[in-house]
C-alpha atoms as a PDB file:
ATOM      1  CA  MET A   1     125.570 147.105 166.201  1.00  0.00           C
ATOM      2  CA  LYS A   2     127.409 150.327 166.264  1.00  0.00           C
ATOM      3  CA  GLN A   3     128.003 152.555 163.126  1.00  0.00           C
ATOM      4  CA  ILE A   4     131.390 153.189 161.753  1.00  0.00           C
ATOM      5  CA  ASN A   5     132.465 156.738 161.070  1.00  0.00           C
ATOM      6  CA  PRO A   6     132.642 156.939 157.394  1.00  0.00           C
ATOM      7  CA  ALA A   7     136.315 158.415 157.355  1.00  0.00           C
ATOM      8  CA  ALA A   8     137.548 155.330 159.041  1.00  0.00           C
ATOM      9  CA  ASP A   9     135.314 152.957 157.151  1.00  0.00           C
ATOM     10  CA  TRP A  10     137.077 154.796 154.038  1.00  0.00           C
ATOM     11  CA  LEU A  11     140.617 154.046 155.292  1.00  0.00           C
ATOM     12  CA  ILE A  12     139.822 150.361 156.158  1.00  0.00           C
ATOM     13  CA  ARG A  13     138.658 149.967 152.930  1.00  0.00           C
ATOM     14  CA  LEU A  14     141.542 151.249 151.279  1.00  0.00           C
ATOM     15  CA  MET A  15     143.666 149.087 153.878  1.00  0.00           C
ATOM     16  CA  LYS A  16     141.848 145.778 152.432  1.00  0.00           C
ATOM     17  CA  GLY A  17     142.211 146.691 148.848  1.00  0.00           C
ATOM     18  CA  ALA A  18     146.173 147.147 149.604  1.00  0.00           C
ATOM     19  CA  LEU A  19     145.892 143.839 151.061  1.00  0.00           C
ATOM     20  CA  VAL A  20     143.778 142.012 148.253  1.00  0.00           C
ATOM     21  CA  GLY A  21     146.491 143.565 146.028  1.00  0.00           C
ATOM     22  CA  ILE A  22     149.372 142.387 147.681  1.00  0.00           C
ATOM     23  CA  GLY A  23     147.204 138.815 147.586  1.00  0.00           C
ATOM     24  CA  PHE A  24     147.672 138.966 143.765  1.00  0.00           C
ATOM     25  CA  ILE A  25     151.169 139.265 143.535  1.00  0.00           C
ATOM     26  CA  LEU A  26     152.524 137.274 146.658  1.00  0.00           C
ATOM     27  CA  PRO A  27     152.916 133.501 145.608  1.00  0.00           C
ATOM     28  CA  GLY A  28     150.809 130.782 147.175  1.00  0.00           C
ATOM     29  CA  LEU A  29     147.852 133.609 148.086  1.00  0.00           C
ATOM     30  CA  SER A  30     144.840 134.587 146.121  1.00  0.00           C
ATOM     31  CA  GLY A  31     143.432 138.218 145.947  1.00  0.00           C
ATOM     32  CA  GLY A  32     140.104 136.617 145.617  1.00  0.00           C
ATOM     33  CA  VAL A  33     140.370 134.428 148.900  1.00  0.00           C
ATOM     34  CA  LEU A  34     141.219 138.064 150.663  1.00  0.00           C
ATOM     35  CA  ALA A  35     138.545 139.894 148.884  1.00  0.00           C
ATOM     36  CA  VAL A  36     136.255 136.819 150.671  1.00  0.00           C
ATOM     37  CA  ILE A  37     138.056 137.066 153.711  1.00  0.00           C
ATOM     38  CA  PHE A  38     137.371 141.081 153.827  1.00  0.00           C
ATOM     39  CA  GLY A  39     133.688 140.770 153.053  1.00  0.00           C
ATOM     40  CA  ILE A  40     134.263 142.755 149.649  1.00  0.00           C
ATOM     41  CA  TYR A  41     133.997 139.636 147.331  1.00  0.00           C
ATOM     42  CA  ASP A  42     130.374 138.996 147.276  1.00  0.00           C
ATOM     43  CA  PRO A  43     129.367 142.878 146.670  1.00  0.00           C
ATOM     44  CA  LEU A  44     132.232 143.267 144.054  1.00  0.00           C
ATOM     45  CA  ILE A  45     131.185 140.401 142.108  1.00  0.00           C
ATOM     46  CA  ARG A  46     127.587 141.752 142.146  1.00  0.00           C
ATOM     47  CA  PHE A  47     128.764 145.410 141.075  1.00  0.00           C
ATOM     48  CA  LEU A  48     130.545 143.692 138.272  1.00  0.00           C
ATOM     49  CA  ALA A  49     127.798 141.209 137.279  1.00  0.00           C
ATOM     50  CA  ASP A  50     125.148 144.172 136.622  1.00  0.00           C
ATOM     51  CA  ILE A  51     127.875 147.196 136.523  1.00  0.00           C
ATOM     52  CA  ARG A  52     125.061 149.816 135.250  1.00  0.00           C
ATOM     53  CA  LYS A  53     123.089 149.322 138.527  1.00  0.00           C
ATOM     54  CA  ASN A  54     123.587 151.882 141.464  1.00  0.00           C
ATOM     55  CA  PHE A  55     127.018 152.567 139.436  1.00  0.00           C
ATOM     56  CA  LEU A  56     128.051 155.558 140.656  1.00  0.00           C
ATOM     57  CA  LYS A  57     127.241 154.637 144.734  1.00  0.00           C
ATOM     58  CA  ASN A  58     129.006 151.446 143.911  1.00  0.00           C
ATOM     59  CA  LEU A  59     131.888 153.166 142.359  1.00  0.00           C
ATOM     60  CA  LEU A  60     132.630 155.521 145.500  1.00  0.00           C
ATOM     61  CA  TYR A  61     132.027 152.716 147.540  1.00  0.00           C
ATOM     62  CA  PHE A  62     134.890 150.700 145.742  1.00  0.00           C
ATOM     63  CA  LEU A  63     137.387 153.455 144.935  1.00  0.00           C
ATOM     64  CA  PRO A  64     139.250 153.212 147.998  1.00  0.00           C
ATOM     65  CA  VAL A  65     139.409 149.756 147.510  1.00  0.00           C
ATOM     66  CA  ALA A  66     140.635 150.188 144.151  1.00  0.00           C
ATOM     67  CA  ILE A  67     143.342 152.431 145.120  1.00  0.00           C
ATOM     68  CA  GLY A  68     144.173 150.251 148.088  1.00  0.00           C
ATOM     69  CA  ALA A  69     144.828 147.498 145.689  1.00  0.00           C
ATOM     70  CA  ALA A  70     147.153 149.570 143.287  1.00  0.00           C
ATOM     71  CA  ILE A  71     149.010 150.705 146.239  1.00  0.00           C
ATOM     72  CA  GLY A  72     149.352 146.964 147.677  1.00  0.00           C
ATOM     73  CA  ILE A  73     150.688 146.109 144.081  1.00  0.00           C
ATOM     74  CA  VAL A  74     153.272 148.499 143.254  1.00  0.00           C
ATOM     75  CA  LEU A  75     154.570 148.331 147.026  1.00  0.00           C
ATOM     76  CA  PHE A  76     154.830 144.950 147.154  1.00  0.00           C
ATOM     77  CA  ALA A  77     156.538 144.507 143.576  1.00  0.00           C
ATOM     78  CA  VAL A  78     158.952 146.879 145.279  1.00  0.00           C
ATOM     79  CA  VAL A  79     159.627 144.253 148.020  1.00  0.00           C
ATOM     80  CA  VAL A  80     159.512 141.211 145.779  1.00  0.00           C
ATOM     81  CA  GLU A  81     162.256 142.475 143.958  1.00  0.00           C
ATOM     82  CA  LYS A  82     164.432 143.652 147.043  1.00  0.00           C
ATOM     83  CA  ALA A  83     163.685 140.615 149.260  1.00  0.00           C
ATOM     84  CA  PHE A  84     161.259 138.497 148.658  1.00  0.00           C
ATOM     85  CA  GLY A  85     163.546 135.749 146.969  1.00  0.00           C
ATOM     86  CA  LYS A  86     165.273 135.612 150.459  1.00  0.00           C
ATOM     87  CA  TYR A  87     162.630 136.006 152.956  1.00  0.00           C
ATOM     88  CA  ALA A  88     160.010 134.093 151.364  1.00  0.00           C
ATOM     89  CA  ALA A  89     158.984 132.060 154.466  1.00  0.00           C
ATOM     90  CA  LEU A  90     158.819 135.089 156.370  1.00  0.00           C
ATOM     91  CA  PHE A  91     156.180 137.160 154.237  1.00  0.00           C
ATOM     92  CA  VAL A  92     154.097 133.777 153.585  1.00  0.00           C
ATOM     93  CA  SER A  93     154.158 132.959 156.823  1.00  0.00           C
ATOM     94  CA  LEU A  94     152.396 135.976 157.792  1.00  0.00           C
ATOM     95  CA  PHE A  95     149.985 135.715 155.021  1.00  0.00           C
ATOM     96  CA  VAL A  96     149.085 132.126 155.614  1.00  0.00           C
ATOM     97  CA  GLY A  97     148.397 133.261 159.390  1.00  0.00           C
ATOM     98  CA  PHE A  98     146.258 136.120 157.834  1.00  0.00           C
ATOM     99  CA  VAL A  99     144.115 133.278 155.910  1.00  0.00           C
ATOM    100  CA  ALA A 100     144.080 130.800 159.128  1.00  0.00           C
ATOM    101  CA  GLY A 101     142.795 133.388 161.492  1.00  0.00           C
ATOM    102  CA  THR A 102     139.869 134.060 159.486  1.00  0.00           C
ATOM    103  CA  PHE A 103     138.947 130.828 158.276  1.00  0.00           C
ATOM    104  CA  PRO A 104     136.287 130.182 161.309  1.00  0.00           C
ATOM    105  CA  SER A 105     134.630 133.385 160.228  1.00  0.00           C
ATOM    106  CA  LEU A 106     134.694 132.144 156.491  1.00  0.00           C
ATOM    107  CA  TYR A 107     133.170 128.842 157.640  1.00  0.00           C
ATOM    108  CA  LYS A 108     130.216 130.615 159.918  1.00  0.00           C
ATOM    109  CA  THR A 109     129.357 132.762 156.879  1.00  0.00           C
ATOM    110  CA  ALA A 110     129.268 129.549 154.415  1.00  0.00           C
ATOM    111  CA  GLY A 111     126.703 128.194 156.951  1.00  0.00           C
ATOM    112  CA  LYS A 112     124.661 131.515 156.729  1.00  0.00           C
ATOM    113  CA  GLN A 113     121.913 129.689 154.693  1.00  0.00           C
ATOM    114  CA  GLY A 114     122.121 126.448 156.056  1.00  0.00           C
ATOM    115  CA  ARG A 115     124.635 123.414 155.249  1.00  0.00           C
ATOM    116  CA  LYS A 116     123.859 120.336 153.033  1.00  0.00           C
ATOM    117  CA  PRO A 117     125.386 116.909 153.551  1.00  0.00           C
ATOM    118  CA  SER A 118     127.232 117.370 150.417  1.00  0.00           C
ATOM    119  CA  ASP A 119     129.088 120.384 151.340  1.00  0.00           C
ATOM    120  CA  ALA A 120     131.527 118.630 153.259  1.00  0.00           C
ATOM    121  CA  GLY A 121     132.904 116.390 150.534  1.00  0.00           C
ATOM    122  CA  ILE A 122     132.989 119.767 148.086  1.00  0.00           C
ATOM    123  CA  LEU A 123     134.964 121.399 150.872  1.00  0.00           C
ATOM    124  CA  ILE A 124     136.986 118.319 151.531  1.00  0.00           C
ATOM    125  CA  ILE A 125     137.421 117.187 147.590  1.00  0.00           C
ATOM    126  CA  THR A 126     138.343 120.817 146.334  1.00  0.00           C
ATOM    127  CA  ALA A 127     140.864 121.075 149.208  1.00  0.00           C
ATOM    128  CA  ILE A 128     142.468 117.699 148.181  1.00  0.00           C
ATOM    129  CA  ALA A 129     142.537 118.690 144.561  1.00  0.00           C
ATOM    130  CA  ILE A 130     143.654 122.222 144.835  1.00  0.00           C
ATOM    131  CA  PHE A 131     146.465 120.781 147.196  1.00  0.00           C
ATOM    132  CA  ALA A 132     147.519 118.103 144.471  1.00  0.00           C
ATOM    133  CA  LEU A 133     147.311 120.753 141.617  1.00  0.00           C
ATOM    134  CA  MET A 134     149.800 123.174 143.750  1.00  0.00           C
ATOM    135  CA  LEU A 135     152.443 120.368 144.560  1.00  0.00           C
ATOM    136  CA  ALA A 136     152.271 119.011 140.929  1.00  0.00           C
ATOM    137  CA  GLY A 137     153.277 122.674 139.762  1.00  0.00           C
ATOM    138  CA  GLY A 138     155.759 123.235 142.534  1.00  0.00           C
ATOM    139  CA  ARG A 139     158.452 123.469 139.708  1.00  0.00           C
ATOM    140  CA  GLN A 140     158.863 125.744 136.570  1.00  0.00           C
ATOM    141  CA  LEU A 141     157.283 123.971 133.619  1.00  0.00           C
ATOM    142  CA  THR A 142     158.624 126.039 130.622  1.00  0.00           C
ATOM    143  CA  GLU A 143     160.014 129.394 130.045  1.00  0.00           C
ATOM    144  CA  VAL A 144     158.082 131.725 128.200  1.00  0.00           C
ATOM    145  CA  THR A 145     159.416 134.629 126.237  1.00  0.00           C
ATOM    146  CA  PRO A 146     157.253 137.853 127.438  1.00  0.00           C
ATOM    147  CA  ASN A 147     155.459 139.834 124.976  1.00  0.00           C
ATOM    148  CA  ILE A 148     152.160 141.623 124.747  1.00  0.00           C
ATOM    149  CA  PRO A 149     149.912 138.535 124.270  1.00  0.00           C
ATOM    150  CA  VAL A 150     151.451 136.679 126.969  1.00  0.00           C
ATOM    151  CA  TRP A 151     151.174 139.794 129.649  1.00  0.00           C
ATOM    152  CA  LEU A 152     147.334 139.962 128.367  1.00  0.00           C
ATOM    153  CA  ALA A 153     147.148 136.298 129.479  1.00  0.00           C
ATOM    154  CA  SER A 154     148.952 137.104 132.594  1.00  0.00           C
ATOM    155  CA  GLY A 155     146.006 139.683 133.153  1.00  0.00           C
ATOM    156  CA  LEU A 156     143.162 137.205 132.684  1.00  0.00           C
ATOM    157  CA  LEU A 157     145.138 134.545 134.872  1.00  0.00           C
ATOM    158  CA  MET A 158     145.519 137.568 137.497  1.00  0.00           C
ATOM    159  CA  GLY A 159     141.396 138.191 137.081  1.00  0.00           C
ATOM    160  CA  LEU A 160     140.486 134.290 137.504  1.00  0.00           C
ATOM    161  CA  GLY A 161     142.491 134.955 140.848  1.00  0.00           C
ATOM    162  CA  LEU A 162     139.475 137.216 141.857  1.00  0.00           C
ATOM    163  CA  ILE A 163     136.721 135.150 140.224  1.00  0.00           C
ATOM    164  CA  VAL A 164     138.015 132.212 141.445  1.00  0.00           C
ATOM    165  CA  PRO A 165     139.230 132.318 145.393  1.00  0.00           C
ATOM    166  CA  GLY A 166     141.769 130.210 146.102  1.00  0.00           C
ATOM    167  CA  MET A 167     143.421 130.419 142.631  1.00  0.00           C
ATOM    168  CA  SER A 168     146.860 132.082 142.920  1.00  0.00           C
ATOM    169  CA  PRO A 169     147.745 133.519 139.399  1.00  0.00           C
ATOM    170  CA  SER A 170     151.417 134.136 140.839  1.00  0.00           C
ATOM    171  CA  ASN A 171     152.368 130.613 141.347  1.00  0.00           C
ATOM    172  CA  PHE A 172     151.520 129.987 137.607  1.00  0.00           C
ATOM    173  CA  LEU A 173     153.358 133.190 136.708  1.00  0.00           C
ATOM    174  CA  ILE A 174     156.627 131.537 138.748  1.00  0.00           C
ATOM    175  CA  TYR A 175     156.188 128.240 136.965  1.00  0.00           C
ATOM    176  CA  PHE A 176     156.200 130.092 133.658  1.00  0.00           C
ATOM    177  CA  GLY A 177     159.316 132.395 134.549  1.00  0.00           C
ATOM    178  CA  LEU A 178     157.182 135.281 134.253  1.00  0.00           C
ATOM    179  CA  TYR A 179     156.897 136.346 138.122  1.00  0.00           C
ATOM    180  CA  ASP A 180     160.325 138.255 138.488  1.00  0.00           C
ATOM    181  CA  ARG A 181     159.838 140.232 135.063  1.00  0.00           C
ATOM    182  CA  MET A 182     156.571 141.335 136.165  1.00  0.00           C
ATOM    183  CA  ALA A 183     157.237 142.286 139.754  1.00  0.00           C
ATOM    184  CA  THR A 184     159.965 144.298 137.865  1.00  0.00           C
ATOM    185  CA  GLY A 185     158.080 145.633 135.398  1.00  0.00           C
ATOM    186  CA  ILE A 186     155.313 147.284 137.921  1.00  0.00           C
ATOM    187  CA  LYS A 187     157.936 148.344 140.326  1.00  0.00           C
ATOM    188  CA  ASP A 188     159.643 150.171 137.002  1.00  0.00           C
ATOM    189  CA  PHE A 189     156.312 151.589 135.875  1.00  0.00           C
ATOM    190  CA  ASP A 190     156.821 149.887 132.552  1.00  0.00           C
ATOM    191  CA  PHE A 191     153.547 150.133 130.533  1.00  0.00           C
ATOM    192  CA  GLY A 192     154.400 147.578 127.836  1.00  0.00           C
ATOM    193  CA  ILE A 193     154.174 145.314 130.783  1.00  0.00           C
ATOM    194  CA  ILE A 194     151.297 147.243 132.984  1.00  0.00           C
ATOM    195  CA  ILE A 195     148.905 147.936 130.368  1.00  0.00           C
ATOM    196  CA  PRO A 196     148.161 144.423 128.491  1.00  0.00           C
ATOM    197  CA  LEU A 197     148.118 143.325 132.520  1.00  0.00           C
ATOM    198  CA  VAL A 198     145.517 145.506 133.435  1.00  0.00           C
ATOM    199  CA  ILE A 199     143.432 144.891 129.940  1.00  0.00           C
ATOM    200  CA  GLY A 200     143.444 141.143 130.608  1.00  0.00           C
ATOM    201  CA  PHE A 201     142.571 141.418 134.232  1.00  0.00           C
ATOM    202  CA  ILE A 202     139.469 143.509 133.743  1.00  0.00           C
ATOM    203  CA  ALA A 203     138.331 141.702 130.745  1.00  0.00           C
ATOM    204  CA  CYS A 204     138.646 138.481 132.699  1.00  0.00           C
ATOM    205  CA  VAL A 205     136.919 139.855 135.543  1.00  0.00           C
ATOM    206  CA  LEU A 206     133.875 141.520 133.431  1.00  0.00           C
ATOM    207  CA  LEU A 207     133.459 138.448 131.182  1.00  0.00           C
ATOM    208  CA  PHE A 208     133.134 136.153 134.308  1.00  0.00           C
ATOM    209  CA  ALA A 209     131.452 138.077 137.124  1.00  0.00           C
ATOM    210  CA  ARG A 210     127.970 137.539 136.215  1.00  0.00           C
ATOM    211  CA  LEU A 211     128.389 133.576 135.969  1.00  0.00           C
ATOM    212  CA  ALA A 212     129.998 133.919 139.627  1.00  0.00           C
ATOM    213  CA  SER A 213     127.398 135.882 140.913  1.00  0.00           C
ATOM    214  CA  TRP A 214     124.856 133.769 139.305  1.00  0.00           C
ATOM    215  CA  LEU A 215     126.405 130.848 141.045  1.00  0.00           C
ATOM    216  CA  PHE A 216     126.405 132.224 144.312  1.00  0.00           C
ATOM    217  CA  ARG A 217     122.880 133.083 144.073  1.00  0.00           C
ATOM    218  CA  LYS A 218     121.859 129.709 142.994  1.00  0.00           C
ATOM    219  CA  TYR A 219     124.438 127.334 145.165  1.00  0.00           C
ATOM    220  CA  TYR A 220     125.223 129.616 148.258  1.00  0.00           C
ATOM    221  CA  SER A 221     126.286 126.758 150.243  1.00  0.00           C
ATOM    222  CA  GLY A 222     127.875 124.711 147.719  1.00  0.00           C
ATOM    223  CA  MET A 223     129.564 127.667 146.120  1.00  0.00           C
ATOM    224  CA  TYR A 224     131.289 128.717 149.540  1.00  0.00           C
ATOM    225  CA  HIS A 225     132.437 125.537 150.990  1.00  0.00           C
ATOM    226  CA  PHE A 226     134.057 125.488 147.230  1.00  0.00           C
ATOM    227  CA  ILE A 227     135.954 128.181 148.100  1.00  0.00           C
ATOM    228  CA  LEU A 228     136.737 126.984 151.500  1.00  0.00           C
ATOM    229  CA  GLY A 229     138.411 124.024 150.199  1.00  0.00           C
ATOM    230  CA  MET A 230     140.269 126.098 147.491  1.00  0.00           C
ATOM    231  CA  VAL A 231     141.367 128.387 150.931  1.00  0.00           C
ATOM    232  CA  ALA A 232     142.365 125.501 152.558  1.00  0.00           C
ATOM    233  CA  GLY A 233     144.048 123.504 150.020  1.00  0.00           C
ATOM    234  CA  SER A 234     145.927 126.539 148.524  1.00  0.00           C
ATOM    235  CA  SER A 235     146.929 127.446 152.053  1.00  0.00           C
ATOM    236  CA  LEU A 236     148.536 124.148 152.961  1.00  0.00           C
ATOM    237  CA  ALA A 237     150.028 123.443 149.643  1.00  0.00           C
ATOM    238  CA  ILE A 238     152.077 127.047 150.259  1.00  0.00           C
ATOM    239  CA  PHE A 239     153.975 124.730 153.081  1.00  0.00           C
ATOM    240  CA  PRO A 240     155.907 122.305 150.896  1.00  0.00           C
ATOM    241  CA  THR A 241     155.865 124.454 147.599  1.00  0.00           C
ATOM    242  CA  VAL A 242     157.573 127.730 149.327  1.00  0.00           C
ATOM    243  CA  VAL A 243     157.645 127.562 153.057  1.00  0.00           C
ATOM    244  CA  PHE A 244     159.669 124.580 153.468  1.00  0.00           C
ATOM    245  CA  PRO A 245     162.207 125.138 150.225  1.00  0.00           C
ATOM    246  CA  ALA A 246     163.119 128.382 152.131  1.00  0.00           C
ATOM    247  CA  PHE A 247     164.514 126.356 154.870  1.00  0.00           C
ATOM    248  CA  THR A 248     167.041 124.313 152.811  1.00  0.00           C
ATOM    249  CA  ALA A 249     170.892 125.008 153.687  1.00  0.00           C
ATOM    250  CA  GLU A 250     171.011 126.626 150.322  1.00  0.00           C
ATOM    251  CA  GLN A 251     168.262 129.264 150.984  1.00  0.00           C
ATOM    252  CA  LEU A 252     169.186 129.832 154.233  1.00  0.00           C
ATOM    253  CA  ALA A 253     172.875 130.592 153.276  1.00  0.00           C
ATOM    254  CA  ALA A 254     171.578 132.927 150.814  1.00  0.00           C
ATOM    255  CA  ALA A 255     169.251 134.852 153.474  1.00  0.00           C
ATOM    256  CA  GLY A 256     172.034 134.798 155.899  1.00  0.00           C
ATOM    257  CA  LEU A 257     169.932 133.114 158.375  1.00  0.00           C
ATOM    258  CA  SER A 258     170.179 129.839 160.435  1.00  0.00           C
ATOM    259  CA  PHE A 259     167.784 127.409 160.668  1.00  0.00           C
ATOM    260  CA  ARG A 260     166.342 128.815 164.015  1.00  0.00           C
ATOM    261  CA  GLY A 261     166.912 132.330 162.875  1.00  0.00           C
ATOM    262  CA  ALA A 262     164.241 131.685 160.221  1.00  0.00           C
ATOM    263  CA  PHE A 263     161.775 129.599 161.921  1.00  0.00           C
ATOM    264  CA  LEU A 264     161.382 131.297 164.853  1.00  0.00           C
ATOM    265  CA  PRO A 265     160.463 134.741 163.077  1.00  0.00           C
ATOM    266  CA  SER A 266     158.299 132.858 160.271  1.00  0.00           C
ATOM    267  CA  LEU A 267     156.200 130.933 163.415  1.00  0.00           C
ATOM    268  CA  LEU A 268     156.086 134.434 164.997  1.00  0.00           C
ATOM    269  CA  LEU A 269     154.511 135.933 162.250  1.00  0.00           C
ATOM    270  CA  PHE A 270     152.363 133.120 161.416  1.00  0.00           C
ATOM    271  CA  VAL A 271     150.860 133.596 165.076  1.00  0.00           C
ATOM    272  CA  VAL A 272     150.992 137.571 164.503  1.00  0.00           C
ATOM    273  CA  GLY A 273     148.752 137.258 161.136  1.00  0.00           C
ATOM    274  CA  ALA A 274     146.497 134.695 162.605  1.00  0.00           C
ATOM    275  CA  VAL A 275     145.447 136.351 165.718  1.00  0.00           C
ATOM    276  CA  ALA A 276     145.208 140.039 163.874  1.00  0.00           C
ATOM    277  CA  SER A 277     142.660 138.850 161.222  1.00  0.00           C
ATOM    278  CA  TRP A 278     141.019 136.697 163.905  1.00  0.00           C
ATOM    279  CA  LEU A 279     141.100 140.106 166.025  1.00  0.00           C
ATOM    280  CA  PHE A 280     139.418 141.799 162.893  1.00  0.00           C
ATOM    281  CA  SER A 281     137.262 139.702 161.903  1.00  0.00           C
ATOM    282  CA  LYS A 282     135.703 140.019 165.683  1.00  0.00           C
ATOM    283  CA  VAL A 283     135.599 143.689 165.326  1.00  0.00           C
ATOM    284  CA  GLU A 284     134.153 143.517 161.693  1.00  0.00           C
ATOM    285  CA  GLU A 285     131.126 141.541 163.658  1.00  0.00           C
ATOM    286  CA  LYS A 286     130.087 144.514 165.690  1.00  0.00           C
ATOM    287  CA  TYR A 287     129.534 146.827 162.696  1.00  0.00           C
ATOM    288  CA  PRO A 288     126.916 146.345 159.932  1.00  0.00           C
ATOM    289  CA  ARG A 289     128.428 146.136 156.285  1.00  0.00           C
ATOM    290  CA  GLU A 290     127.269 148.888 154.125  1.00  0.00           C
ATOM    291  CA  GLU A 291     124.633 147.008 151.564  1.00  0.00           C
ATOM    292  CA  ILE A 292     125.446 148.901 148.436  1.00  0.00           C
ATOM    293  CA  PHE A 293     122.870 147.013 146.319  1.00  0.00           C
END
């Protein structure tokens, strides 16, 4: 195997972090899913489960990931406010393509320690369950008045989006009428929103990382097939909940697009995302991932 240049490796981790950050606030996607896809989920969970072990080395390793995530969240918050409502199908199609292109790599990773007969059932049942859950929540449930406890709870929800790959915190925030306000608060650097979000996120991750780490050590194959089911179900649910509504006559008129003018770019972006992430996963296989524990 070739050894990747340290500077290039740092930049790659920065870009991975940026995409994971976007996944946290992009409706229908999950930062945890993207962390799994980019090979940083397992080492991050192990680090957070025992944060004192090799603390400095791990901190330096994940520093570009954290910086990239912050950049991704802030930059995409601007995009969300300016254009996401009009061009949701385009953005989501690209990111669903990212997920689809890396599914073969994820499936291969899930079978590293062998597969049990029950794994297929876990994958299918999980995919159906998360698909049904996201469809059932496809409309806004209630309007929640934002305040500090609400933003703390939203941060906890975003933390679960990392710990439980496949869970999309942004979808739930949309359902409760908080998503646009969160995006605007991040874009405007409203620390009354940002600080409780960060506190809630960190608290959730630190509380549940040890449990997630133990589950992966004990039930590696089952947990990975559970994640595959979450990825498949949540990705499929994006189409009826986010993509298809964007092609209604009302939404097309608001975006100033014809059906063809929206469909063809969405299809193209899906293919671009799938091919790019598939090629990326192939390139990564040529380089050894640094073992940080």
